[in-house]
């Protein structure tokens, strides 16, 4: 499914198979197959670590199959990798965050590391070395760079949008029309998967794989910026319908 980290696979499974109310999910063989992990010692250690960190809670076990539930803290961690989830549950504060970092070429490794850490924050390029996001990431940024070399190269601001065409800004920074096309291509792929042969679990696994690919790219803009009918919100609703059909 294009994700290597066990931690991310587990958090993603608990969110996507649940809902924004975070119900308890049993990590049975089907879930393990769909999200590409097994309950080996490394996975059990990861689960224990997530429980200790307060990102998930352990529920009851049925037939020795453990169940877990995502917490608000775990959801916030997941939203830093998949920002499109955040505003499905939370309300936007109407603030835009502007982050600037200009790290010299001689410190390319430092720059690349910072870029990797920030890649799931819904950042879009505004001008050279200036990035824009509606997500509340200032505290996370501070924790990331405080006391490190990166701090001397970073500037960050919070602002209200007071003038200018908002649609033009959204298209320039986040490429809304391009993302819309990608979602439409996703729907075609889903249709092909669902209309083909195969077991339900295998079909859902393929649906999930295609969905995760675009979720990585979606900056997770709130409805106030993209509208109630944004295709990304529609995609989540369709995904839930497919889930209900294939996993019932």
C-alpha atoms as a PDB file:
ATOM      1  CA  UNK A   1       0.000   0.000   0.000  1.00  0.00           C
ATOM      2  CA  UNK A   2       2.989   2.273  -0.335  1.00  0.00           C
ATOM      3  CA  UNK A   3       3.569   2.753   3.402  1.00  0.00           C
ATOM      4  CA  UNK A   4       6.588   1.242   5.132  1.00  0.00           C
ATOM      5  CA  UNK A   5       6.155   2.369   8.738  1.00  0.00           C
ATOM      6  CA  UNK A   6       4.188  -0.015  10.974  1.00  0.00           C
ATOM      7  CA  UNK A   7       3.144   2.887  13.167  1.00  0.00           C
ATOM      8  CA  UNK A   8       1.526   4.701  10.248  1.00  0.00           C
ATOM      9  CA  UNK A   9      -0.196   1.549   8.975  1.00  0.00           C
ATOM     10  CA  UNK A  10      -1.736   0.933  12.389  1.00  0.00           C
ATOM     11  CA  UNK A  11      -2.949   4.516  12.897  1.00  0.00           C
ATOM     12  CA  UNK A  12      -4.329   4.586   9.359  1.00  0.00           C
ATOM     13  CA  UNK A  13      -6.188   1.304   9.846  1.00  0.00           C
ATOM     14  CA  UNK A  14      -7.762   2.491  13.091  1.00  0.00           C
ATOM     15  CA  UNK A  15      -8.954   5.701  11.457  1.00  0.00           C
ATOM     16  CA  UNK A  16     -10.139   4.484   8.057  1.00  0.00           C
ATOM     17  CA  UNK A  17     -11.935   1.416   9.421  1.00  0.00           C
ATOM     18  CA  UNK A  18     -13.516   3.501  12.150  1.00  0.00           C
ATOM     19  CA  UNK A  19     -15.006   6.956  11.801  1.00  0.00           C
ATOM     20  CA  UNK A  20     -14.371  10.375  13.306  1.00  0.00           C
ATOM     21  CA  UNK A  21     -15.721   9.057  16.628  1.00  0.00           C
ATOM     22  CA  UNK A  22     -12.895   6.489  16.803  1.00  0.00           C
ATOM     23  CA  UNK A  23     -14.572   3.153  17.434  1.00  0.00           C
ATOM     24  CA  UNK A  24     -12.662   0.064  18.538  1.00  0.00           C
ATOM     25  CA  UNK A  25     -11.155  -1.969  15.693  1.00  0.00           C
ATOM     26  CA  UNK A  26     -10.140  -5.636  15.890  1.00  0.00           C
ATOM     27  CA  UNK A  27      -6.797  -6.264  14.187  1.00  0.00           C
ATOM     28  CA  UNK A  28      -7.831  -9.584  12.695  1.00  0.00           C
ATOM     29  CA  UNK A  29      -6.269 -11.344   9.714  1.00  0.00           C
ATOM     30  CA  UNK A  30      -8.347  -9.378   7.206  1.00  0.00           C
ATOM     31  CA  UNK A  31      -7.199  -6.039   8.629  1.00  0.00           C
ATOM     32  CA  UNK A  32      -3.608  -7.240   8.645  1.00  0.00           C
ATOM     33  CA  UNK A  33      -3.889  -8.276   5.001  1.00  0.00           C
ATOM     34  CA  UNK A  34      -5.542  -5.035   3.904  1.00  0.00           C
ATOM     35  CA  UNK A  35      -3.026  -2.800   5.659  1.00  0.00           C
ATOM     36  CA  UNK A  36       0.002  -5.006   4.975  1.00  0.00           C
ATOM     37  CA  UNK A  37       1.257  -5.958   8.427  1.00  0.00           C
ATOM     38  CA  UNK A  38       1.260  -9.023  10.654  1.00  0.00           C
ATOM     39  CA  UNK A  39       1.037  -9.383  14.414  1.00  0.00           C
ATOM     40  CA  UNK A  40       4.669 -10.362  14.816  1.00  0.00           C
ATOM     41  CA  UNK A  41       6.918  -9.217  17.640  1.00  0.00           C
ATOM     42  CA  UNK A  42       7.876  -5.976  15.902  1.00  0.00           C
ATOM     43  CA  UNK A  43       4.227  -5.057  15.352  1.00  0.00           C
ATOM     44  CA  UNK A  44       3.357  -5.912  18.957  1.00  0.00           C
ATOM     45  CA  UNK A  45       6.221  -3.699  20.120  1.00  0.00           C
ATOM     46  CA  UNK A  46       4.908  -0.879  17.926  1.00  0.00           C
ATOM     47  CA  UNK A  47       1.410  -1.312  19.351  1.00  0.00           C
ATOM     48  CA  UNK A  48       2.769  -1.211  22.889  1.00  0.00           C
ATOM     49  CA  UNK A  49       4.741   1.937  22.067  1.00  0.00           C
ATOM     50  CA  UNK A  50       1.643   3.641  20.638  1.00  0.00           C
ATOM     51  CA  UNK A  51      -0.322   2.756  23.781  1.00  0.00           C
ATOM     52  CA  UNK A  52       2.417   4.180  26.019  1.00  0.00           C
ATOM     53  CA  UNK A  53       2.482   7.355  23.927  1.00  0.00           C
ATOM     54  CA  UNK A  54      -1.276   7.749  24.349  1.00  0.00           C
ATOM     55  CA  UNK A  55      -1.910   7.568  20.594  1.00  0.00           C
ATOM     56  CA  UNK A  56      -4.078   4.458  20.834  1.00  0.00           C
ATOM     57  CA  UNK A  57      -5.826   2.565  23.623  1.00  0.00           C
ATOM     58  CA  UNK A  58      -6.121  -1.184  23.905  1.00  0.00           C
ATOM     59  CA  UNK A  59      -9.576  -2.695  23.984  1.00  0.00           C
ATOM     60  CA  UNK A  60     -10.912  -6.157  24.614  1.00  0.00           C
ATOM     61  CA  UNK A  61      -9.559  -9.228  22.854  1.00  0.00           C
ATOM     62  CA  UNK A  62     -11.779 -11.759  21.103  1.00  0.00           C
ATOM     63  CA  UNK A  63     -10.383 -15.165  20.251  1.00  0.00           C
ATOM     64  CA  UNK A  64      -6.931 -13.772  21.083  1.00  0.00           C
ATOM     65  CA  UNK A  65      -7.263 -11.081  18.406  1.00  0.00           C
ATOM     66  CA  UNK A  66      -6.459  -7.685  19.989  1.00  0.00           C
ATOM     67  CA  UNK A  67      -8.496  -4.579  19.340  1.00  0.00           C
ATOM     68  CA  UNK A  68      -7.468  -0.949  19.630  1.00  0.00           C
ATOM     69  CA  UNK A  69      -8.955   2.497  19.358  1.00  0.00           C
ATOM     70  CA  UNK A  70      -7.404   5.698  18.046  1.00  0.00           C
ATOM     71  CA  UNK A  71      -7.113   8.628  20.478  1.00  0.00           C
ATOM     72  CA  UNK A  72      -7.209  12.346  19.751  1.00  0.00           C
ATOM     73  CA  UNK A  73      -3.431  12.453  20.137  1.00  0.00           C
ATOM     74  CA  UNK A  74      -3.023   9.619  17.669  1.00  0.00           C
ATOM     75  CA  UNK A  75      -5.368  11.363  15.251  1.00  0.00           C
ATOM     76  CA  UNK A  76      -3.256  14.528  15.384  1.00  0.00           C
ATOM     77  CA  UNK A  77      -0.141  12.475  14.656  1.00  0.00           C
ATOM     78  CA  UNK A  78      -1.859  10.830  11.694  1.00  0.00           C
ATOM     79  CA  UNK A  79      -3.106  14.198  10.396  1.00  0.00           C
ATOM     80  CA  UNK A  80       0.510  15.380  10.164  1.00  0.00           C
ATOM     81  CA  UNK A  81       1.043  12.657   7.563  1.00  0.00           C
ATOM     82  CA  UNK A  82      -2.445  12.696   6.021  1.00  0.00           C
ATOM     83  CA  UNK A  83      -3.674  16.294   6.395  1.00  0.00           C
ATOM     84  CA  UNK A  84      -6.901  15.594   4.497  1.00  0.00           C
ATOM     85  CA  UNK A  85      -8.241  13.887   7.639  1.00  0.00           C
ATOM     86  CA  UNK A  86      -7.938  16.862  10.007  1.00  0.00           C
ATOM     87  CA  UNK A  87     -10.917  18.946   8.934  1.00  0.00           C
ATOM     88  CA  UNK A  88     -13.196  15.928   8.688  1.00  0.00           C
ATOM     89  CA  UNK A  89     -13.230  16.104  12.485  1.00  0.00           C
ATOM     90  CA  UNK A  90     -12.013  19.553  13.491  1.00  0.00           C
ATOM     91  CA  UNK A  91     -13.060  23.115  12.677  1.00  0.00           C
ATOM     92  CA  UNK A  92     -10.697  25.434  10.858  1.00  0.00           C
ATOM     93  CA  UNK A  93      -9.697  28.529  12.841  1.00  0.00           C
ATOM     94  CA  UNK A  94      -9.605  30.645   9.643  1.00  0.00           C
ATOM     95  CA  UNK A  95      -5.849  31.217  10.029  1.00  0.00           C
ATOM     96  CA  UNK A  96      -3.222  30.650   7.353  1.00  0.00           C
ATOM     97  CA  UNK A  97       0.310  29.704   8.380  1.00  0.00           C
ATOM     98  CA  UNK A  98       3.254  31.015   6.382  1.00  0.00           C
ATOM     99  CA  UNK A  99       6.542  29.162   6.772  1.00  0.00           C
ATOM    100  CA  UNK A 100       9.802  30.237   5.213  1.00  0.00           C
ATOM    101  CA  UNK A 101      13.087  28.402   5.260  1.00  0.00           C
ATOM    102  CA  UNK A 102      16.134  29.202   3.145  1.00  0.00           C
ATOM    103  CA  UNK A 103      18.856  26.690   3.861  1.00  0.00           C
ATOM    104  CA  UNK A 104      22.062  27.051   1.816  1.00  0.00           C
ATOM    105  CA  UNK A 105      23.091  24.440  -0.729  1.00  0.00           C
ATOM    106  CA  UNK A 106      26.083  23.572   1.445  1.00  0.00           C
ATOM    107  CA  UNK A 107      23.595  22.212   3.969  1.00  0.00           C
ATOM    108  CA  UNK A 108      21.434  20.295   1.503  1.00  0.00           C
ATOM    109  CA  UNK A 109      21.100  17.284   3.807  1.00  0.00           C
ATOM    110  CA  UNK A 110      19.676  19.544   6.518  1.00  0.00           C
ATOM    111  CA  UNK A 111      17.233  21.098   4.045  1.00  0.00           C
ATOM    112  CA  UNK A 112      16.097  17.743   2.677  1.00  0.00           C
ATOM    113  CA  UNK A 113      15.539  16.375   6.170  1.00  0.00           C
ATOM    114  CA  UNK A 114      13.384  19.359   7.129  1.00  0.00           C
ATOM    115  CA  UNK A 115      11.400  19.062   3.906  1.00  0.00           C
ATOM    116  CA  UNK A 116      10.727  15.367   4.593  1.00  0.00           C
ATOM    117  CA  UNK A 117       9.534  16.128   8.117  1.00  0.00           C
ATOM    118  CA  UNK A 118       7.123  18.787   6.839  1.00  0.00           C
ATOM    119  CA  UNK A 119       5.814  16.991   3.747  1.00  0.00           C
ATOM    120  CA  UNK A 120       2.474  16.027   5.318  1.00  0.00           C
ATOM    121  CA  UNK A 121       1.560  19.447   6.670  1.00  0.00           C
ATOM    122  CA  UNK A 122      -0.585  20.548   3.732  1.00  0.00           C
ATOM    123  CA  UNK A 123       2.053  23.048   2.646  1.00  0.00           C
ATOM    124  CA  UNK A 124       1.788  24.653  -0.776  1.00  0.00           C
ATOM    125  CA  UNK A 125       4.386  26.874  -2.489  1.00  0.00           C
ATOM    126  CA  UNK A 126       3.348  30.525  -2.467  1.00  0.00           C
ATOM    127  CA  UNK A 127       6.564  32.287  -3.488  1.00  0.00           C
ATOM    128  CA  UNK A 128      10.206  31.249  -3.466  1.00  0.00           C
ATOM    129  CA  UNK A 129      10.980  29.791  -0.014  1.00  0.00           C
ATOM    130  CA  UNK A 130       7.500  30.687   1.267  1.00  0.00           C
ATOM    131  CA  UNK A 131       4.974  27.959   2.022  1.00  0.00           C
ATOM    132  CA  UNK A 132       1.321  28.243   2.996  1.00  0.00           C
ATOM    133  CA  UNK A 133      -0.944  25.919   5.003  1.00  0.00           C
ATOM    134  CA  UNK A 134      -4.269  26.206   6.862  1.00  0.00           C
ATOM    135  CA  UNK A 135      -3.205  23.551   9.364  1.00  0.00           C
ATOM    136  CA  UNK A 136      -2.258  24.409  12.979  1.00  0.00           C
ATOM    137  CA  UNK A 137       1.357  23.283  12.707  1.00  0.00           C
ATOM    138  CA  UNK A 138       3.226  26.048  14.540  1.00  0.00           C
ATOM    139  CA  UNK A 139       3.692  24.072  17.741  1.00  0.00           C
ATOM    140  CA  UNK A 140       4.866  21.071  15.735  1.00  0.00           C
ATOM    141  CA  UNK A 141       7.314  23.264  13.803  1.00  0.00           C
ATOM    142  CA  UNK A 142       8.700  24.669  17.046  1.00  0.00           C
ATOM    143  CA  UNK A 143       9.185  21.177  18.473  1.00  0.00           C
ATOM    144  CA  UNK A 144      10.844  20.079  15.236  1.00  0.00           C
ATOM    145  CA  UNK A 145      13.474  22.812  14.962  1.00  0.00           C
ATOM    146  CA  UNK A 146      13.900  24.198  18.486  1.00  0.00           C
ATOM    147  CA  UNK A 147      17.537  23.951  19.546  1.00  0.00           C
ATOM    148  CA  UNK A 148      18.600  22.555  16.151  1.00  0.00           C
ATOM    149  CA  UNK A 149      20.518  24.020  13.226  1.00  0.00           C
ATOM    150  CA  UNK A 150      17.320  24.388  11.228  1.00  0.00           C
ATOM    151  CA  UNK A 151      15.962  27.042  13.609  1.00  0.00           C
ATOM    152  CA  UNK A 152      18.295  29.774  12.340  1.00  0.00           C
ATOM    153  CA  UNK A 153      16.921  29.394   8.808  1.00  0.00           C
ATOM    154  CA  UNK A 154      13.180  29.306   9.638  1.00  0.00           C
ATOM    155  CA  UNK A 155      10.597  32.054   9.930  1.00  0.00           C
ATOM    156  CA  UNK A 156       6.901  31.405  10.563  1.00  0.00           C
ATOM    157  CA  UNK A 157       3.779  33.567  10.683  1.00  0.00           C
ATOM    158  CA  UNK A 158       0.036  33.243  11.221  1.00  0.00           C
ATOM    159  CA  UNK A 159      -2.265  35.497   9.220  1.00  0.00           C
ATOM    160  CA  UNK A 160      -5.793  36.234   8.018  1.00  0.00           C
ATOM    161  CA  UNK A 161      -6.549  36.438   4.323  1.00  0.00           C
ATOM    162  CA  UNK A 162      -7.845  39.990   3.966  1.00  0.00           C
ATOM    163  CA  UNK A 163      -7.499  40.846   0.272  1.00  0.00           C
ATOM    164  CA  UNK A 164      -7.173  39.108  -3.093  1.00  0.00           C
ATOM    165  CA  UNK A 165      -9.074  36.454  -5.002  1.00  0.00           C
ATOM    166  CA  UNK A 166      -9.129  33.358  -2.847  1.00  0.00           C
ATOM    167  CA  UNK A 167      -9.728  30.933  -5.717  1.00  0.00           C
ATOM    168  CA  UNK A 168      -6.670  32.265  -7.514  1.00  0.00           C
ATOM    169  CA  UNK A 169      -4.597  31.787  -4.377  1.00  0.00           C
ATOM    170  CA  UNK A 170      -5.836  28.220  -3.843  1.00  0.00           C
ATOM    171  CA  UNK A 171      -5.097  27.251  -7.431  1.00  0.00           C
ATOM    172  CA  UNK A 172      -1.638  28.847  -7.382  1.00  0.00           C
ATOM    173  CA  UNK A 173      -0.566  27.374  -4.046  1.00  0.00           C
ATOM    174  CA  UNK A 174      -2.234  23.961  -3.934  1.00  0.00           C
ATOM    175  CA  UNK A 175      -3.170  23.187  -7.549  1.00  0.00           C
ATOM    176  CA  UNK A 176      -6.840  22.486  -6.828  1.00  0.00           C
ATOM    177  CA  UNK A 177      -7.824  21.679 -10.441  1.00  0.00           C
ATOM    178  CA  UNK A 178      -4.963  19.193 -10.826  1.00  0.00           C
ATOM    179  CA  UNK A 179      -5.971  17.419  -7.622  1.00  0.00           C
ATOM    180  CA  UNK A 180      -9.593  17.343  -8.814  1.00  0.00           C
ATOM    181  CA  UNK A 181      -8.459  15.468 -11.954  1.00  0.00           C
ATOM    182  CA  UNK A 182      -6.521  12.963  -9.848  1.00  0.00           C
ATOM    183  CA  UNK A 183      -9.599  12.225  -7.761  1.00  0.00           C
ATOM    184  CA  UNK A 184     -11.654  11.668 -10.919  1.00  0.00           C
ATOM    185  CA  UNK A 185      -9.022   9.224 -12.133  1.00  0.00           C
ATOM    186  CA  UNK A 186      -9.228   7.519  -8.743  1.00  0.00           C
ATOM    187  CA  UNK A 187     -12.986   7.035  -9.168  1.00  0.00           C
ATOM    188  CA  UNK A 188     -12.366   5.344 -12.537  1.00  0.00           C
ATOM    189  CA  UNK A 189      -9.817   3.012 -10.950  1.00  0.00           C
ATOM    190  CA  UNK A 190     -12.241   2.174  -8.150  1.00  0.00           C
ATOM    191  CA  UNK A 191     -14.948   1.384 -10.691  1.00  0.00           C
ATOM    192  CA  UNK A 192     -12.578  -0.937 -12.548  1.00  0.00           C
ATOM    193  CA  UNK A 193     -11.624  -2.722  -9.325  1.00  0.00           C
ATOM    194  CA  UNK A 194     -15.222  -3.148  -8.173  1.00  0.00           C
ATOM    195  CA  UNK A 195     -16.470  -4.379 -11.536  1.00  0.00           C
ATOM    196  CA  UNK A 196     -13.697  -6.964 -11.882  1.00  0.00           C
ATOM    197  CA  UNK A 197     -13.345 -10.446 -10.481  1.00  0.00           C
ATOM    198  CA  UNK A 198     -11.874 -11.235  -7.092  1.00  0.00           C
ATOM    199  CA  UNK A 199     -12.619 -11.722  -3.430  1.00  0.00           C
ATOM    200  CA  UNK A 200     -14.072  -8.833  -1.450  1.00  0.00           C
ATOM    201  CA  UNK A 201     -11.007  -8.449   0.790  1.00  0.00           C
ATOM    202  CA  UNK A 202      -8.695  -8.379  -2.218  1.00  0.00           C
ATOM    203  CA  UNK A 203     -10.882  -5.746  -3.881  1.00  0.00           C
ATOM    204  CA  UNK A 204     -10.914  -3.580  -0.789  1.00  0.00           C
ATOM    205  CA  UNK A 205      -7.141  -3.899  -0.470  1.00  0.00           C
ATOM    206  CA  UNK A 206      -6.756  -2.567  -4.017  1.00  0.00           C
ATOM    207  CA  UNK A 207      -9.281   0.225  -3.399  1.00  0.00           C
ATOM    208  CA  UNK A 208      -7.336   1.189  -0.287  1.00  0.00           C
ATOM    209  CA  UNK A 209      -4.002   1.122  -2.102  1.00  0.00           C
ATOM    210  CA  UNK A 210      -5.241   3.550  -4.762  1.00  0.00           C
ATOM    211  CA  UNK A 211      -6.811   5.811  -2.134  1.00  0.00           C
ATOM    212  CA  UNK A 212      -3.694   6.054   0.014  1.00  0.00           C
ATOM    213  CA  UNK A 213      -1.731   7.234  -3.003  1.00  0.00           C
ATOM    214  CA  UNK A 214      -3.863  10.349  -3.454  1.00  0.00           C
ATOM    215  CA  UNK A 215      -4.317  10.942   0.282  1.00  0.00           C
ATOM    216  CA  UNK A 216      -0.566  11.518   0.444  1.00  0.00           C
ATOM    217  CA  UNK A 217      -0.965  14.379  -2.044  1.00  0.00           C
ATOM    218  CA  UNK A 218      -4.145  16.017  -0.732  1.00  0.00           C
ATOM    219  CA  UNK A 219      -3.261  19.098   1.388  1.00  0.00           C
ATOM    220  CA  UNK A 220      -6.479  18.734   3.352  1.00  0.00           C
ATOM    221  CA  UNK A 221      -7.975  22.160   2.760  1.00  0.00           C
ATOM    222  CA  UNK A 222     -11.037  23.009   4.877  1.00  0.00           C
ATOM    223  CA  UNK A 223     -14.513  23.418   3.379  1.00  0.00           C
ATOM    224  CA  UNK A 224     -14.246  27.184   3.889  1.00  0.00           C
ATOM    225  CA  UNK A 225     -11.540  27.190   1.194  1.00  0.00           C
ATOM    226  CA  UNK A 226     -12.713  24.482  -1.212  1.00  0.00           C
ATOM    227  CA  UNK A 227     -16.474  24.387  -0.603  1.00  0.00           C
ATOM    228  CA  UNK A 228     -18.832  21.782   0.835  1.00  0.00           C
ATOM    229  CA  UNK A 229     -18.921  19.821  -2.429  1.00  0.00           C
ATOM    230  CA  UNK A 230     -15.142  19.417  -2.798  1.00  0.00           C
ATOM    231  CA  UNK A 231     -14.372  16.135  -4.536  1.00  0.00           C
ATOM    232  CA  UNK A 232     -12.003  15.075  -1.731  1.00  0.00           C
ATOM    233  CA  UNK A 233     -14.930  15.002   0.703  1.00  0.00           C
ATOM    234  CA  UNK A 234     -16.953  13.049  -1.858  1.00  0.00           C
ATOM    235  CA  UNK A 235     -14.095  10.540  -2.171  1.00  0.00           C
ATOM    236  CA  UNK A 236     -14.161   9.830   1.555  1.00  0.00           C
ATOM    237  CA  UNK A 237     -17.933   9.281   1.440  1.00  0.00           C
ATOM    238  CA  UNK A 238     -17.601   6.903  -1.507  1.00  0.00           C
ATOM    239  CA  UNK A 239     -14.751   5.071   0.229  1.00  0.00           C
ATOM    240  CA  UNK A 240     -16.980   4.548   3.255  1.00  0.00           C
ATOM    241  CA  UNK A 241     -19.754   3.201   1.020  1.00  0.00           C
ATOM    242  CA  UNK A 242     -17.323   0.764  -0.616  1.00  0.00           C
ATOM    243  CA  UNK A 243     -16.078  -0.262   2.804  1.00  0.00           C
ATOM    244  CA  UNK A 244     -19.643  -0.984   3.907  1.00  0.00           C
ATOM    245  CA  UNK A 245     -20.276  -3.126   0.843  1.00  0.00           C
ATOM    246  CA  UNK A 246     -17.031  -5.104   0.754  1.00  0.00           C
ATOM    247  CA  UNK A 247     -16.443  -5.579   4.478  1.00  0.00           C
ATOM    248  CA  UNK A 248     -19.982  -6.311   5.604  1.00  0.00           C
END
